[in-house]
Every structure is written in C-alpha cells, then in structure tokens.
C-alpha atoms as a PDB file:
ATOM      1  CA  MET A   1       0.000   0.000   0.000  1.00  0.00           C
ATOM      2  CA  SER A   2       2.774   2.456   0.888  1.00  0.00           C
ATOM      3  CA  ARG A   3       4.474   1.745  -2.427  1.00  0.00           C
ATOM      4  CA  HIS A   4       1.256   2.728  -4.233  1.00  0.00           C
ATOM      5  CA  ILE A   5       1.059   5.977  -2.254  1.00  0.00           C
ATOM      6  CA  PHE A   6       4.726   6.697  -3.024  1.00  0.00           C
ATOM      7  CA  LYS A   7       4.160   6.209  -6.768  1.00  0.00           C
ATOM      8  CA  LEU A   8       1.079   8.436  -6.608  1.00  0.00           C
ATOM      9  CA  ALA A   9       3.038  11.157  -4.768  1.00  0.00           C
ATOM     10  CA  MET A  10       5.875  10.954  -7.285  1.00  0.00           C
ATOM     11  CA  ARG A  11       3.432  11.279 -10.179  1.00  0.00           C
ATOM     12  CA  ALA A  12       1.776  14.291  -8.526  1.00  0.00           C
ATOM     13  CA  ALA A  13       5.185  15.932  -8.051  1.00  0.00           C
ATOM     14  CA  SER A  14       6.054  15.268 -11.671  1.00  0.00           C
ATOM     15  CA  VAL A  15       2.801  16.791 -12.909  1.00  0.00           C
ATOM     16  CA  ALA A  16       3.327  19.812 -10.644  1.00  0.00           C
ATOM     17  CA  ALA A  17       6.852  20.322 -12.018  1.00  0.00           C
ATOM     18  CA  GLU A  18       5.665  20.053 -15.616  1.00  0.00           C
ATOM     19  CA  THR A  19       2.857  22.523 -14.919  1.00  0.00           C
ATOM     20  CA  TRP A  20       5.243  24.990 -13.286  1.00  0.00           C
ATOM     21  CA  THR A  21       7.622  24.739 -16.248  1.00  0.00           C
ATOM     22  CA  ALA A  22       4.804  25.397 -18.713  1.00  0.00           C
ATOM     23  CA  ILE A  23       3.595  28.422 -16.718  1.00  0.00           C
ATOM     24  CA  THR A  24       7.045  29.996 -16.403  1.00  0.00           C
ATOM     25  CA  LYS A  25       7.801  29.504 -20.093  1.00  0.00           C
ATOM     26  CA  SER A  26       4.545  31.158 -21.110  1.00  0.00           C
ATOM     27  CA  LEU A  27       5.041  34.254 -18.936  1.00  0.00           C
ATOM     28  CA  PRO A  28       7.035  37.232 -20.202  1.00  0.00           C
ATOM     29  CA  ARG A  29      10.618  37.481 -18.969  1.00  0.00           C
ATOM     30  CA  GLU A  30       9.838  40.502 -16.764  1.00  0.00           C
ATOM     31  CA  PHE A  31       7.740  38.355 -14.464  1.00  0.00           C
ATOM     32  CA  VAL A  32      10.137  35.422 -14.257  1.00  0.00           C
ATOM     33  CA  ALA A  33      13.633  36.919 -14.393  1.00  0.00           C
ATOM     34  CA  PRO A  34      14.924  39.150 -11.595  1.00  0.00           C
ATOM     35  CA  PRO A  35      15.028  42.839 -12.509  1.00  0.00           C
ATOM     36  CA  LYS A  36      18.302  44.299 -13.681  1.00  0.00           C
ATOM     37  CA  SER A  37      20.403  46.042 -11.078  1.00  0.00           C
ATOM     38  CA  TYR A  38      19.825  49.744 -10.445  1.00  0.00           C
ATOM     39  CA  ARG A  39      22.150  51.959 -12.453  1.00  0.00           C
ATOM     40  CA  PRO A  40      21.961  55.557 -11.191  1.00  0.00           C
ATOM     41  CA  GLU A  41      24.056  56.924 -14.040  1.00  0.00           C
ATOM     42  CA  ARG A  42      21.121  56.238 -16.352  1.00  0.00           C
ATOM     43  CA  TYR A  43      18.812  58.506 -14.357  1.00  0.00           C
ATOM     44  CA  TYR A  44      20.899  61.479 -13.250  1.00  0.00           C
ATOM     45  CA  MET A  45      22.063  64.345 -15.423  1.00  0.00           C
ATOM     46  CA  ARG A  46      25.713  64.294 -16.367  1.00  0.00           C
ATOM     47  CA  GLY A  47      25.997  68.023 -16.861  1.00  0.00           C
ATOM     48  CA  PRO A  48      24.049  71.153 -17.714  1.00  0.00           C
ATOM     49  CA  GLY A  49      21.237  70.539 -20.129  1.00  0.00           C
ATOM     50  CA  PRO A  50      19.900  72.581 -23.033  1.00  0.00           C
ATOM     51  CA  ALA A  51      17.821  74.882 -20.811  1.00  0.00           C
ATOM     52  CA  CYS A  52      20.932  75.938 -18.897  1.00  0.00           C
ATOM     53  CA  ARG A  53      22.825  76.615 -22.112  1.00  0.00           C
ATOM     54  CA  GLU A  54      19.922  78.628 -23.470  1.00  0.00           C
ATOM     55  CA  LYS A  55      19.847  80.775 -20.322  1.00  0.00           C
ATOM     56  CA  SER A  56      23.561  81.478 -20.505  1.00  0.00           C
ATOM     57  CA  VAL A  57      23.347  82.436 -24.181  1.00  0.00           C
ATOM     58  CA  LEU A  58      20.366  84.749 -23.490  1.00  0.00           C
ATOM     59  CA  SER A  59      22.180  86.391 -20.562  1.00  0.00           C
ATOM     60  CA  ARG A  60      25.233  87.060 -22.755  1.00  0.00           C
ATOM     61  CA  VAL A  61      23.053  88.582 -25.483  1.00  0.00           C
ATOM     62  CA  ILE A  62      21.227  90.788 -22.980  1.00  0.00           C
ATOM     63  CA  ARG A  63      24.501  92.002 -21.425  1.00  0.00           C
ATOM     64  CA  ARG A  64      25.863  93.001 -24.853  1.00  0.00           C
ATOM     65  CA  THR A  65      22.915  95.223 -25.723  1.00  0.00           C
END
C-alpha cells in the first residue's frame, strides 16, 4: 500500500513540475527573471542641459545690448 502511495506522490510531483515549467515559459521574462540592477548613471544628469545653455546664451546677449 505504501508503495502505491509513493508512486502516486511521485506522479503528482512530476505533474506539478511540468505545470510549473509550462507556466514559467509562457510568462514574459519581466515576471520570471529578476530585474536588472539599479544603475543611477542612467537617471541622473551628467551636466548642464539645453535649458541651462539657453539661459547662458540669453544672458550674454542681454549684457551686450
């Protein structure tokens, strides 16, 4: 009897593993794979932007006139 229960448990585990594999393969990578590490250099400015340059050019023009 215990051998029958063991075989049944092994079959249930096998079916569960196959089901889990099918689910994870059908999901997009964003849900399954861990997110990429945080890279702050992608989000912070590296220097003055176009608005700053525009202000400095306008202030030079105004000072000349």
